[in-house]
N, C-alpha and C. Protein backbone atom coordinates (compact mmCIF):
# COMPACT_ATOMS: atom_id res chain seq x y z
N UNK A 1 -27.52 -98.69 103.48
CA UNK A 1 -26.04 -98.76 103.31
C UNK A 1 -25.63 -100.26 103.21
N UNK A 2 -24.66 -100.45 102.30
CA UNK A 2 -24.01 -101.78 102.19
C UNK A 2 -22.68 -101.70 102.93
N UNK A 3 -22.45 -102.64 103.82
CA UNK A 3 -21.18 -102.66 104.58
C UNK A 3 -20.62 -104.09 104.65
N UNK A 4 -19.41 -104.28 104.14
CA UNK A 4 -18.77 -105.56 104.14
C UNK A 4 -17.39 -105.42 104.85
N UNK A 5 -17.08 -106.33 105.74
CA UNK A 5 -15.76 -106.36 106.41
C UNK A 5 -15.00 -107.57 105.92
N UNK A 6 -13.81 -107.33 105.38
CA UNK A 6 -12.95 -108.39 104.90
C UNK A 6 -11.66 -108.39 105.70
N UNK A 7 -11.26 -109.58 106.22
CA UNK A 7 -9.96 -109.70 106.85
C UNK A 7 -8.91 -110.00 105.82
N UNK A 8 -7.92 -109.11 105.70
CA UNK A 8 -6.93 -109.29 104.62
C UNK A 8 -5.46 -109.33 105.21
N UNK A 9 -4.61 -109.91 104.54
CA UNK A 9 -3.16 -110.02 104.91
C UNK A 9 -3.02 -110.91 106.12
N UNK A 10 -1.81 -111.34 106.38
CA UNK A 10 -1.49 -112.20 107.52
C UNK A 10 -1.72 -111.45 108.84
N UNK A 11 -1.82 -110.14 108.77
CA UNK A 11 -2.05 -109.31 109.99
C UNK A 11 -3.53 -109.18 110.31
N UNK A 12 -4.40 -109.87 109.50
CA UNK A 12 -5.85 -109.86 109.77
C UNK A 12 -6.35 -108.46 109.91
N UNK A 13 -5.98 -107.59 108.90
CA UNK A 13 -6.42 -106.22 108.85
C UNK A 13 -7.82 -106.18 108.24
N UNK A 14 -8.67 -105.30 108.82
CA UNK A 14 -10.04 -105.16 108.30
C UNK A 14 -10.12 -104.14 107.18
N UNK A 15 -10.40 -104.66 105.99
CA UNK A 15 -10.76 -103.81 104.84
C UNK A 15 -12.24 -103.72 104.81
N UNK A 16 -12.76 -102.48 104.61
CA UNK A 16 -14.26 -102.29 104.56
C UNK A 16 -14.66 -101.83 103.17
N UNK A 17 -15.78 -102.41 102.71
CA UNK A 17 -16.41 -101.91 101.48
C UNK A 17 -17.71 -101.32 101.89
N UNK A 18 -17.85 -100.01 101.66
CA UNK A 18 -19.10 -99.27 101.97
C UNK A 18 -19.78 -98.85 100.73
N UNK A 19 -21.04 -99.21 100.58
CA UNK A 19 -21.71 -98.92 99.31
C UNK A 19 -23.05 -98.22 99.55
N UNK A 20 -23.49 -97.53 98.52
CA UNK A 20 -24.81 -96.88 98.50
C UNK A 20 -25.82 -97.92 97.88
N UNK A 21 -26.91 -98.22 98.55
CA UNK A 21 -27.89 -99.12 98.11
C UNK A 21 -28.50 -98.70 96.77
N UNK A 22 -28.70 -97.38 96.60
CA UNK A 22 -29.40 -96.91 95.38
C UNK A 22 -28.49 -96.85 94.20
N UNK A 23 -27.29 -96.26 94.33
CA UNK A 23 -26.41 -96.09 93.16
C UNK A 23 -25.52 -97.21 92.91
N UNK A 24 -25.28 -98.07 93.94
CA UNK A 24 -24.34 -99.13 93.92
C UNK A 24 -22.87 -98.64 93.76
N UNK A 25 -22.63 -97.40 94.04
CA UNK A 25 -21.28 -96.92 94.13
C UNK A 25 -20.69 -97.26 95.50
N UNK A 26 -19.41 -97.47 95.54
CA UNK A 26 -18.82 -97.87 96.85
C UNK A 26 -17.43 -97.18 97.04
N UNK A 27 -17.07 -97.16 98.32
CA UNK A 27 -15.72 -96.75 98.74
C UNK A 27 -15.07 -98.01 99.28
N UNK A 28 -13.76 -98.16 99.04
CA UNK A 28 -12.95 -99.19 99.65
C UNK A 28 -12.08 -98.53 100.70
N UNK A 29 -12.25 -98.90 101.91
CA UNK A 29 -11.59 -98.34 103.05
C UNK A 29 -10.46 -99.29 103.56
N UNK A 30 -9.24 -98.78 103.58
CA UNK A 30 -8.07 -99.50 104.03
C UNK A 30 -7.89 -100.88 103.37
N UNK A 31 -7.64 -100.81 102.07
CA UNK A 31 -7.29 -102.11 101.31
C UNK A 31 -5.87 -102.53 101.58
N UNK A 32 -5.66 -103.23 102.72
CA UNK A 32 -4.33 -103.52 103.23
C UNK A 32 -3.56 -104.60 102.44
N UNK A 33 -4.25 -105.34 101.60
CA UNK A 33 -3.61 -106.33 100.80
C UNK A 33 -4.71 -107.24 100.21
N UNK A 34 -4.29 -108.45 99.72
CA UNK A 34 -5.25 -109.43 99.21
C UNK A 34 -6.15 -108.73 98.13
N UNK A 35 -5.55 -108.21 97.08
CA UNK A 35 -6.26 -107.51 96.05
C UNK A 35 -7.37 -108.36 95.50
N UNK A 36 -7.12 -109.61 95.20
CA UNK A 36 -8.09 -110.49 94.52
C UNK A 36 -9.33 -110.72 95.44
N UNK A 37 -9.11 -110.85 96.74
CA UNK A 37 -10.23 -111.05 97.67
C UNK A 37 -11.10 -109.81 97.67
N UNK A 38 -10.51 -108.67 97.78
CA UNK A 38 -11.31 -107.43 97.70
C UNK A 38 -12.02 -107.27 96.41
N UNK A 39 -11.33 -107.46 95.32
CA UNK A 39 -11.90 -107.27 94.01
C UNK A 39 -13.03 -108.23 93.72
N UNK A 40 -12.87 -109.46 94.13
CA UNK A 40 -13.93 -110.49 93.96
C UNK A 40 -15.18 -110.08 94.78
N UNK A 41 -14.98 -109.56 96.02
CA UNK A 41 -16.12 -109.16 96.82
C UNK A 41 -16.85 -108.01 96.17
N UNK A 42 -16.14 -107.04 95.67
CA UNK A 42 -16.74 -105.85 95.01
C UNK A 42 -17.64 -106.37 93.85
N UNK A 43 -17.03 -107.28 93.06
CA UNK A 43 -17.76 -107.80 91.89
C UNK A 43 -19.00 -108.61 92.27
N UNK A 44 -18.86 -109.43 93.33
CA UNK A 44 -20.03 -110.24 93.78
C UNK A 44 -21.17 -109.38 94.31
N UNK A 45 -20.88 -108.25 94.81
CA UNK A 45 -21.83 -107.33 95.33
C UNK A 45 -22.42 -106.46 94.23
N UNK A 46 -21.85 -106.46 93.06
CA UNK A 46 -22.35 -105.66 91.95
C UNK A 46 -22.08 -104.14 92.19
N UNK A 47 -20.98 -103.85 92.80
CA UNK A 47 -20.67 -102.40 93.14
C UNK A 47 -19.64 -101.86 92.21
N UNK A 48 -19.67 -100.47 92.11
CA UNK A 48 -18.66 -99.76 91.34
C UNK A 48 -17.80 -98.90 92.27
N UNK A 49 -16.58 -99.23 92.43
CA UNK A 49 -15.68 -98.44 93.31
C UNK A 49 -15.49 -96.99 92.80
N UNK A 50 -15.60 -96.06 93.69
CA UNK A 50 -15.45 -94.62 93.31
C UNK A 50 -14.28 -94.03 94.03
N UNK A 51 -13.77 -94.62 95.07
CA UNK A 51 -12.71 -93.94 95.87
C UNK A 51 -12.06 -94.99 96.79
N UNK A 52 -10.85 -94.72 97.21
CA UNK A 52 -10.10 -95.49 98.24
C UNK A 52 -9.93 -94.49 99.36
N UNK A 53 -10.46 -94.83 100.56
CA UNK A 53 -10.28 -93.98 101.74
C UNK A 53 -9.35 -94.67 102.74
N UNK A 54 -8.42 -93.96 103.24
CA UNK A 54 -7.42 -94.52 104.17
C UNK A 54 -7.55 -93.86 105.54
N UNK A 55 -7.66 -94.72 106.57
CA UNK A 55 -7.66 -94.21 107.93
C UNK A 55 -6.28 -93.70 108.35
N UNK A 56 -5.22 -94.28 107.79
CA UNK A 56 -3.89 -93.84 107.99
C UNK A 56 -2.96 -94.52 106.99
N UNK A 57 -1.66 -94.21 107.09
CA UNK A 57 -0.76 -94.61 106.03
C UNK A 57 0.16 -95.79 106.30
N UNK A 58 -0.12 -96.60 107.32
CA UNK A 58 0.75 -97.74 107.59
C UNK A 58 0.52 -98.88 106.52
N UNK A 59 1.52 -99.62 106.33
CA UNK A 59 1.64 -100.59 105.17
C UNK A 59 0.46 -101.59 105.21
N UNK A 60 0.11 -102.05 106.42
CA UNK A 60 -0.90 -103.12 106.46
C UNK A 60 -2.27 -102.61 106.15
N UNK A 61 -2.42 -101.25 105.89
CA UNK A 61 -3.72 -100.68 105.46
C UNK A 61 -3.66 -100.15 104.05
N UNK A 62 -2.48 -100.32 103.36
CA UNK A 62 -2.37 -99.78 102.03
C UNK A 62 -1.92 -100.70 100.92
N UNK A 63 -1.69 -101.95 101.33
CA UNK A 63 -1.04 -102.94 100.49
C UNK A 63 -1.63 -103.17 99.09
N UNK A 64 -2.96 -102.99 98.94
CA UNK A 64 -3.66 -103.26 97.70
C UNK A 64 -4.06 -102.00 97.02
N UNK A 65 -3.60 -100.87 97.50
CA UNK A 65 -4.04 -99.50 96.94
C UNK A 65 -3.61 -99.41 95.47
N UNK A 66 -2.43 -99.70 95.17
CA UNK A 66 -1.92 -99.51 93.77
C UNK A 66 -2.74 -100.34 92.75
N UNK A 67 -2.97 -101.60 93.09
CA UNK A 67 -3.73 -102.45 92.16
C UNK A 67 -5.13 -101.99 92.04
N UNK A 68 -5.80 -101.64 93.10
CA UNK A 68 -7.19 -101.16 92.99
C UNK A 68 -7.22 -99.85 92.24
N UNK A 69 -6.34 -98.91 92.55
CA UNK A 69 -6.31 -97.63 91.84
C UNK A 69 -6.11 -97.81 90.38
N UNK A 70 -5.23 -98.76 90.03
CA UNK A 70 -4.97 -99.02 88.57
C UNK A 70 -6.17 -99.60 87.88
N UNK A 71 -6.82 -100.54 88.49
CA UNK A 71 -7.92 -101.24 87.86
C UNK A 71 -9.15 -100.36 87.67
N UNK A 72 -9.44 -99.55 88.69
CA UNK A 72 -10.70 -98.76 88.69
C UNK A 72 -10.48 -97.25 88.37
N UNK A 73 -9.26 -96.83 88.31
CA UNK A 73 -8.92 -95.46 88.07
C UNK A 73 -9.68 -94.54 89.01
N UNK A 74 -9.46 -94.82 90.31
CA UNK A 74 -10.12 -94.02 91.37
C UNK A 74 -9.11 -93.34 92.28
N UNK A 75 -9.54 -92.25 92.94
CA UNK A 75 -8.62 -91.47 93.76
C UNK A 75 -8.34 -92.07 95.15
N UNK A 76 -7.26 -91.77 95.67
CA UNK A 76 -6.89 -92.16 97.00
C UNK A 76 -6.96 -90.98 97.94
N UNK A 77 -7.70 -91.11 99.01
CA UNK A 77 -7.88 -90.04 100.05
C UNK A 77 -7.08 -90.39 101.27
N UNK A 78 -6.38 -89.36 101.83
CA UNK A 78 -5.68 -89.54 103.04
C UNK A 78 -5.63 -88.17 103.80
N UNK A 79 -5.50 -88.16 105.08
CA UNK A 79 -5.41 -86.92 105.78
C UNK A 79 -4.07 -86.20 105.49
N UNK A 80 -4.08 -84.90 105.53
CA UNK A 80 -2.91 -84.13 105.12
C UNK A 80 -1.66 -84.50 105.97
N UNK A 81 -1.89 -84.84 107.24
CA UNK A 81 -0.74 -85.21 108.10
C UNK A 81 -0.21 -86.62 107.93
N UNK A 82 -0.85 -87.38 107.09
CA UNK A 82 -0.31 -88.72 106.83
C UNK A 82 0.13 -88.89 105.36
N UNK A 83 0.14 -87.84 104.59
CA UNK A 83 0.64 -87.89 103.17
C UNK A 83 2.00 -88.47 103.14
N UNK A 84 2.87 -88.02 104.04
CA UNK A 84 4.29 -88.42 104.03
C UNK A 84 4.36 -89.92 104.44
N UNK A 85 3.43 -90.41 105.20
CA UNK A 85 3.42 -91.85 105.58
C UNK A 85 3.25 -92.72 104.37
N UNK A 86 2.39 -92.27 103.42
CA UNK A 86 2.13 -93.00 102.21
C UNK A 86 3.44 -93.08 101.39
N UNK A 87 4.17 -91.98 101.38
CA UNK A 87 5.34 -91.88 100.47
C UNK A 87 6.61 -92.51 101.04
N UNK A 88 6.71 -92.50 102.31
CA UNK A 88 7.97 -92.82 103.00
C UNK A 88 7.92 -94.27 103.53
N UNK A 89 8.62 -95.17 102.95
CA UNK A 89 8.65 -96.63 103.46
C UNK A 89 9.09 -96.74 104.85
N UNK A 90 9.93 -95.85 105.37
CA UNK A 90 10.40 -95.93 106.73
C UNK A 90 9.23 -95.58 107.68
N UNK A 91 8.39 -94.67 107.26
CA UNK A 91 7.28 -94.30 108.16
C UNK A 91 6.13 -95.28 108.05
N UNK A 92 5.91 -95.82 106.82
CA UNK A 92 4.79 -96.75 106.68
C UNK A 92 5.12 -98.22 107.03
N UNK A 93 6.46 -98.43 107.33
CA UNK A 93 6.88 -99.75 107.78
C UNK A 93 6.62 -100.86 106.74
N UNK A 94 6.60 -100.51 105.46
CA UNK A 94 6.27 -101.51 104.46
C UNK A 94 7.39 -102.62 104.37
N UNK A 95 8.64 -102.24 104.45
CA UNK A 95 9.67 -103.31 104.42
C UNK A 95 9.66 -104.13 105.61
N UNK A 96 9.39 -103.55 106.82
CA UNK A 96 9.29 -104.30 108.02
C UNK A 96 8.20 -105.37 107.94
N UNK A 97 7.07 -104.99 107.39
CA UNK A 97 5.90 -105.85 107.35
C UNK A 97 5.86 -106.82 106.14
N UNK A 98 6.27 -106.31 105.01
CA UNK A 98 6.06 -107.10 103.76
C UNK A 98 7.36 -107.32 102.97
N UNK A 99 8.47 -106.86 103.51
CA UNK A 99 9.79 -107.03 102.84
C UNK A 99 9.79 -106.37 101.45
N UNK A 100 9.07 -105.30 101.29
CA UNK A 100 9.13 -104.45 100.09
C UNK A 100 8.80 -103.01 100.49
N UNK A 101 9.45 -102.09 99.76
CA UNK A 101 9.17 -100.70 100.01
C UNK A 101 8.03 -100.20 99.27
N UNK A 102 7.07 -99.53 99.96
CA UNK A 102 5.89 -98.97 99.36
C UNK A 102 6.01 -97.46 99.40
N UNK A 103 5.80 -96.82 98.32
CA UNK A 103 5.73 -95.39 98.25
C UNK A 103 4.60 -94.95 97.36
N UNK A 104 3.56 -94.48 97.93
CA UNK A 104 2.32 -94.16 97.23
C UNK A 104 1.98 -92.67 97.19
N UNK A 105 1.21 -92.28 96.27
CA UNK A 105 0.82 -90.85 96.18
C UNK A 105 -0.66 -90.77 96.66
N UNK A 106 -0.91 -89.59 97.24
CA UNK A 106 -2.32 -89.27 97.64
C UNK A 106 -2.92 -88.34 96.48
N UNK A 107 -4.18 -88.63 96.17
CA UNK A 107 -4.90 -87.84 95.17
C UNK A 107 -5.66 -86.67 95.73
N UNK A 108 -6.36 -87.01 96.87
CA UNK A 108 -7.25 -86.04 97.55
C UNK A 108 -6.94 -86.01 99.07
N UNK A 109 -6.64 -84.80 99.53
CA UNK A 109 -6.31 -84.64 100.99
C UNK A 109 -7.56 -84.42 101.78
N UNK A 110 -7.73 -85.15 102.85
CA UNK A 110 -8.90 -85.03 103.70
C UNK A 110 -8.64 -84.09 104.90
N UNK A 111 -9.69 -83.44 105.35
CA UNK A 111 -9.57 -82.53 106.52
C UNK A 111 -10.59 -82.91 107.51
N UNK A 112 -10.37 -82.59 108.77
CA UNK A 112 -11.34 -82.85 109.85
C UNK A 112 -12.65 -82.16 109.57
N UNK A 113 -13.76 -82.88 109.72
CA UNK A 113 -15.08 -82.31 109.50
C UNK A 113 -15.58 -82.34 108.08
N UNK A 114 -14.75 -82.77 107.19
CA UNK A 114 -15.15 -82.90 105.77
C UNK A 114 -16.21 -83.90 105.56
N UNK A 115 -17.18 -83.64 104.69
CA UNK A 115 -18.16 -84.61 104.33
C UNK A 115 -17.86 -85.13 102.89
N UNK A 116 -17.71 -86.39 102.77
CA UNK A 116 -17.51 -87.07 101.46
C UNK A 116 -18.78 -87.70 101.03
N UNK A 117 -19.27 -87.33 99.85
CA UNK A 117 -20.51 -87.90 99.42
C UNK A 117 -20.26 -89.11 98.55
N UNK A 118 -21.00 -90.16 98.81
CA UNK A 118 -20.93 -91.46 98.08
C UNK A 118 -22.34 -91.85 97.69
N UNK A 119 -22.81 -91.56 96.53
CA UNK A 119 -24.21 -91.76 96.19
C UNK A 119 -25.01 -90.96 97.22
N UNK A 120 -25.96 -91.66 97.88
CA UNK A 120 -26.76 -91.02 98.88
C UNK A 120 -26.16 -91.04 100.26
N UNK A 121 -25.03 -91.63 100.44
CA UNK A 121 -24.34 -91.65 101.73
C UNK A 121 -23.49 -90.47 101.95
N UNK A 122 -23.42 -90.03 103.19
CA UNK A 122 -22.50 -88.95 103.58
C UNK A 122 -21.52 -89.54 104.60
N UNK A 123 -20.22 -89.36 104.30
CA UNK A 123 -19.17 -89.90 105.12
C UNK A 123 -18.44 -88.76 105.82
N UNK A 124 -18.54 -88.75 107.17
CA UNK A 124 -17.90 -87.67 107.93
C UNK A 124 -16.45 -88.05 108.24
N UNK A 125 -15.55 -87.19 107.91
CA UNK A 125 -14.13 -87.44 108.24
C UNK A 125 -13.86 -86.84 109.65
N UNK A 126 -13.37 -87.73 110.56
CA UNK A 126 -13.07 -87.28 111.91
C UNK A 126 -11.57 -87.47 112.17
N UNK A 127 -10.82 -86.45 112.37
CA UNK A 127 -9.39 -86.49 112.64
C UNK A 127 -9.17 -87.08 113.98
N UNK A 128 -8.54 -88.28 114.03
CA UNK A 128 -8.35 -88.97 115.31
C UNK A 128 -6.83 -89.33 115.45
N UNK A 129 -5.96 -88.37 115.64
CA UNK A 129 -4.51 -88.64 115.71
C UNK A 129 -4.15 -89.41 116.98
N UNK A 130 -3.04 -89.96 116.98
CA UNK A 130 -2.51 -90.72 118.16
C UNK A 130 -1.76 -91.93 117.73
N UNK A 131 -2.35 -92.71 116.83
CA UNK A 131 -1.62 -93.86 116.23
C UNK A 131 -0.70 -93.34 115.20
N UNK A 132 -1.20 -92.38 114.39
CA UNK A 132 -0.38 -91.60 113.44
C UNK A 132 -0.88 -90.19 113.53
N UNK A 133 -0.08 -89.24 113.08
CA UNK A 133 -0.55 -87.79 113.19
C UNK A 133 -1.78 -87.52 112.33
N UNK A 134 -1.90 -88.24 111.25
CA UNK A 134 -3.01 -88.01 110.31
C UNK A 134 -4.08 -89.09 110.34
N UNK A 135 -4.14 -89.84 111.43
CA UNK A 135 -5.19 -90.85 111.56
C UNK A 135 -6.59 -90.23 111.51
N UNK A 136 -7.48 -90.92 110.86
CA UNK A 136 -8.89 -90.47 110.82
C UNK A 136 -9.79 -91.63 111.04
N UNK A 137 -11.03 -91.30 111.42
CA UNK A 137 -12.10 -92.26 111.51
C UNK A 137 -13.21 -91.75 110.60
N UNK A 138 -14.07 -92.64 110.11
CA UNK A 138 -15.15 -92.31 109.23
C UNK A 138 -16.46 -92.64 109.88
N UNK A 139 -17.33 -91.58 110.05
CA UNK A 139 -18.72 -91.82 110.56
C UNK A 139 -19.68 -91.89 109.39
N UNK A 140 -20.40 -93.00 109.32
CA UNK A 140 -21.40 -93.16 108.27
C UNK A 140 -22.63 -93.68 108.92
N UNK A 141 -23.73 -92.87 108.90
CA UNK A 141 -24.94 -93.15 109.58
C UNK A 141 -24.66 -93.43 111.06
N UNK A 142 -24.97 -94.58 111.58
CA UNK A 142 -24.77 -94.88 113.01
C UNK A 142 -23.61 -95.74 113.31
N UNK A 143 -22.58 -95.70 112.39
CA UNK A 143 -21.37 -96.53 112.67
C UNK A 143 -20.13 -95.63 112.48
N UNK A 144 -19.06 -96.02 113.09
CA UNK A 144 -17.79 -95.34 112.88
C UNK A 144 -16.72 -96.41 112.55
N UNK A 145 -16.01 -96.15 111.41
CA UNK A 145 -14.88 -97.04 111.06
C UNK A 145 -13.64 -96.32 111.67
N UNK A 146 -12.99 -96.94 112.58
CA UNK A 146 -12.00 -96.30 113.48
C UNK A 146 -10.53 -96.54 113.11
N UNK A 147 -10.27 -97.35 112.11
CA UNK A 147 -8.86 -97.62 111.80
C UNK A 147 -8.17 -98.21 113.01
N UNK A 148 -6.97 -97.78 113.28
CA UNK A 148 -6.21 -98.28 114.46
C UNK A 148 -6.20 -97.33 115.65
N UNK A 149 -7.30 -96.56 115.74
CA UNK A 149 -7.45 -95.64 116.86
C UNK A 149 -7.97 -96.38 118.09
N UNK A 150 -9.05 -97.08 117.92
CA UNK A 150 -9.64 -97.93 118.98
C UNK A 150 -10.02 -99.31 118.49
N UNK A 151 -9.81 -100.31 119.28
CA UNK A 151 -10.17 -101.67 118.94
C UNK A 151 -11.19 -102.18 119.98
N UNK A 152 -11.66 -103.41 119.71
CA UNK A 152 -12.50 -104.08 120.67
C UNK A 152 -11.64 -104.34 121.93
N UNK A 153 -11.90 -103.58 122.98
CA UNK A 153 -11.29 -103.79 124.30
C UNK A 153 -9.81 -103.37 124.25
N UNK A 154 -9.37 -102.56 123.36
CA UNK A 154 -8.02 -102.05 123.25
C UNK A 154 -7.89 -100.76 122.52
N UNK A 155 -6.72 -100.25 122.28
CA UNK A 155 -6.52 -99.04 121.53
C UNK A 155 -5.26 -99.30 120.60
N UNK A 156 -5.05 -98.41 119.66
CA UNK A 156 -3.92 -98.55 118.75
C UNK A 156 -2.58 -98.26 119.45
N UNK A 157 -1.55 -98.85 118.82
CA UNK A 157 -0.20 -98.63 119.33
C UNK A 157 0.21 -97.14 119.18
N UNK A 158 0.99 -96.66 120.12
CA UNK A 158 1.48 -95.25 120.04
C UNK A 158 2.97 -95.20 120.04
N UNK A 159 3.67 -96.28 119.87
CA UNK A 159 5.11 -96.29 119.89
C UNK A 159 5.78 -96.18 118.53
N UNK A 160 4.95 -96.02 117.48
CA UNK A 160 5.51 -95.74 116.15
C UNK A 160 5.80 -94.24 116.05
N UNK A 161 6.55 -93.88 115.00
CA UNK A 161 6.86 -92.45 114.73
C UNK A 161 5.53 -91.64 114.65
N UNK A 162 5.50 -90.60 115.38
CA UNK A 162 4.35 -89.74 115.30
C UNK A 162 3.22 -90.19 116.26
N UNK A 163 3.40 -91.26 116.97
CA UNK A 163 2.39 -91.71 117.86
C UNK A 163 2.43 -90.98 119.14
N UNK A 164 1.22 -90.95 119.85
CA UNK A 164 1.10 -90.23 121.12
C UNK A 164 -0.02 -90.83 121.94
N UNK A 165 0.28 -91.34 123.14
CA UNK A 165 -0.76 -91.89 123.98
C UNK A 165 -1.74 -90.79 124.46
N UNK A 166 -1.19 -89.65 124.70
CA UNK A 166 -2.07 -88.49 125.11
C UNK A 166 -3.08 -88.19 124.00
N UNK A 167 -2.53 -88.13 122.79
CA UNK A 167 -3.36 -87.80 121.62
C UNK A 167 -4.46 -88.88 121.38
N UNK A 168 -4.06 -90.15 121.46
CA UNK A 168 -5.02 -91.16 121.08
C UNK A 168 -6.16 -91.22 122.08
N UNK A 169 -5.85 -91.08 123.34
CA UNK A 169 -6.93 -91.01 124.39
C UNK A 169 -7.79 -89.85 124.17
N UNK A 170 -7.24 -88.71 123.87
CA UNK A 170 -8.00 -87.51 123.61
C UNK A 170 -8.89 -87.66 122.35
N UNK A 171 -8.35 -88.28 121.31
CA UNK A 171 -9.15 -88.53 120.09
C UNK A 171 -10.34 -89.42 120.38
N UNK A 172 -10.14 -90.47 121.18
CA UNK A 172 -11.21 -91.36 121.47
C UNK A 172 -12.26 -90.68 122.29
N UNK A 173 -11.83 -90.04 123.34
CA UNK A 173 -12.81 -89.45 124.31
C UNK A 173 -13.49 -88.24 123.67
N UNK A 174 -12.80 -87.39 122.91
CA UNK A 174 -13.38 -86.13 122.50
C UNK A 174 -13.87 -86.09 121.06
N UNK A 175 -13.51 -87.16 120.26
CA UNK A 175 -13.96 -87.19 118.87
C UNK A 175 -14.86 -88.41 118.53
N UNK A 176 -14.68 -89.49 119.27
CA UNK A 176 -15.52 -90.69 119.00
C UNK A 176 -16.53 -90.89 120.08
N UNK A 177 -16.16 -90.78 121.34
CA UNK A 177 -17.12 -91.07 122.43
C UNK A 177 -18.15 -89.98 122.65
N UNK A 178 -18.19 -89.03 121.79
CA UNK A 178 -19.23 -87.95 121.89
C UNK A 178 -20.53 -88.46 121.24
N UNK A 179 -20.47 -89.58 120.58
CA UNK A 179 -21.63 -90.18 119.94
C UNK A 179 -22.38 -91.12 120.90
N UNK A 180 -23.58 -91.46 120.60
CA UNK A 180 -24.42 -92.38 121.49
C UNK A 180 -23.70 -93.70 121.76
N UNK A 181 -23.96 -94.23 122.94
CA UNK A 181 -23.33 -95.46 123.37
C UNK A 181 -23.60 -96.66 122.38
N UNK A 182 -24.75 -96.68 121.71
CA UNK A 182 -25.07 -97.74 120.76
C UNK A 182 -24.34 -97.60 119.40
N UNK A 183 -23.61 -96.57 119.22
CA UNK A 183 -22.85 -96.37 117.98
C UNK A 183 -21.88 -97.55 117.82
N UNK A 184 -21.94 -98.22 116.69
CA UNK A 184 -21.08 -99.39 116.42
C UNK A 184 -19.72 -98.92 115.86
N UNK A 185 -18.62 -99.44 116.46
CA UNK A 185 -17.31 -99.18 116.00
C UNK A 185 -16.72 -100.31 115.25
N UNK A 186 -16.27 -100.02 114.04
CA UNK A 186 -15.65 -101.04 113.18
C UNK A 186 -14.14 -100.75 113.11
N UNK A 187 -13.32 -101.49 113.79
CA UNK A 187 -11.87 -101.15 113.93
C UNK A 187 -11.05 -101.72 112.81
N UNK A 188 -9.82 -101.31 112.82
CA UNK A 188 -8.83 -101.78 111.76
C UNK A 188 -8.37 -103.23 111.96
N UNK A 189 -8.56 -103.73 113.14
CA UNK A 189 -8.21 -105.17 113.40
C UNK A 189 -9.27 -105.66 114.44
N UNK A 190 -9.51 -106.98 114.35
CA UNK A 190 -10.44 -107.65 115.29
C UNK A 190 -11.91 -107.25 115.00
N UNK A 191 -12.78 -107.67 115.90
CA UNK A 191 -14.24 -107.60 115.68
C UNK A 191 -14.84 -106.28 116.03
N UNK A 192 -16.07 -105.94 115.50
CA UNK A 192 -16.71 -104.75 115.88
C UNK A 192 -17.11 -104.72 117.38
N UNK A 193 -17.33 -103.47 117.85
CA UNK A 193 -17.75 -103.26 119.28
C UNK A 193 -18.68 -102.07 119.23
N UNK A 194 -18.98 -101.49 120.41
CA UNK A 194 -19.74 -100.21 120.44
C UNK A 194 -19.20 -99.34 121.50
N UNK A 195 -19.61 -98.12 121.44
CA UNK A 195 -19.07 -97.10 122.38
C UNK A 195 -19.42 -97.41 123.81
N UNK A 196 -20.62 -97.88 124.11
CA UNK A 196 -20.97 -98.21 125.46
C UNK A 196 -20.15 -99.27 126.05
N UNK A 197 -19.91 -100.33 125.34
CA UNK A 197 -19.04 -101.43 125.81
C UNK A 197 -17.63 -100.94 126.12
N UNK A 198 -17.11 -100.12 125.19
CA UNK A 198 -15.70 -99.70 125.41
C UNK A 198 -15.61 -98.72 126.58
N UNK A 199 -16.63 -97.92 126.82
CA UNK A 199 -16.59 -97.04 128.00
C UNK A 199 -16.56 -97.86 129.27
N UNK A 200 -17.26 -98.96 129.26
CA UNK A 200 -17.37 -99.79 130.52
C UNK A 200 -16.25 -100.74 130.64
N UNK A 201 -15.63 -101.26 129.60
CA UNK A 201 -14.79 -102.41 129.71
C UNK A 201 -13.39 -102.23 129.11
N UNK A 202 -13.13 -101.19 128.33
CA UNK A 202 -11.83 -100.98 127.78
C UNK A 202 -10.79 -100.51 128.87
N UNK A 203 -9.75 -101.31 129.07
CA UNK A 203 -8.89 -101.01 130.20
C UNK A 203 -8.14 -99.70 130.09
N UNK A 204 -8.07 -99.11 128.86
CA UNK A 204 -7.41 -97.84 128.64
C UNK A 204 -8.36 -96.62 128.89
N UNK A 205 -9.69 -96.96 128.97
CA UNK A 205 -10.64 -95.81 128.96
C UNK A 205 -11.63 -95.89 130.11
N UNK A 206 -11.91 -97.05 130.65
CA UNK A 206 -13.00 -97.18 131.59
C UNK A 206 -12.87 -96.34 132.80
N UNK A 207 -11.64 -95.95 133.18
CA UNK A 207 -11.42 -95.11 134.35
C UNK A 207 -12.09 -93.70 134.20
N UNK A 208 -12.29 -93.26 132.95
CA UNK A 208 -12.88 -91.97 132.76
C UNK A 208 -14.40 -91.99 132.79
N UNK A 209 -14.98 -93.21 132.89
CA UNK A 209 -16.47 -93.29 132.76
C UNK A 209 -17.06 -94.07 133.98
N UNK A 210 -16.45 -94.02 135.13
CA UNK A 210 -17.02 -94.72 136.31
C UNK A 210 -18.18 -93.88 136.82
């Protein structure tokens, strides 16, 4: 597996490029902005983008979607419960963050438990609501790309429309922490971590794992 993490936009959002070593096909996950940075990295790796996968519909995760979709003619995937977030600038907070209204269309709707094939890679879609109703994480081999569900020593905000503290804790405990402690978590912001560290040290979660 090819995995690249790029920090994009002034919000230091993590965009991930995941590629198949054999076919050189790749998915671009959460292209929040900085189109040229993402595009240059794809080119330098010699990869062919086949899809854009979104963990959720907030503006800092979707800012370069239109340019990438236009250049590569590739579909945009989002969970069914976040379709409206892509379309509605009030829900995706695009004006608040970037002083422009973003309204995007989804091409392919994802569902919990779906397997997306990318060359020889299999990407498991895990519905992890709490930050948004349609938030998802992507499990690929022994890693999970978690979007804004869980961060290194923190969790995603739940005070936006559709957010829920109860849901996000349940998502983390029952959908992510079911995997081995050494599973590496690649979040939407900040540096990677792993499940074992977060069970022991995350102030929102460690009380459940004493």
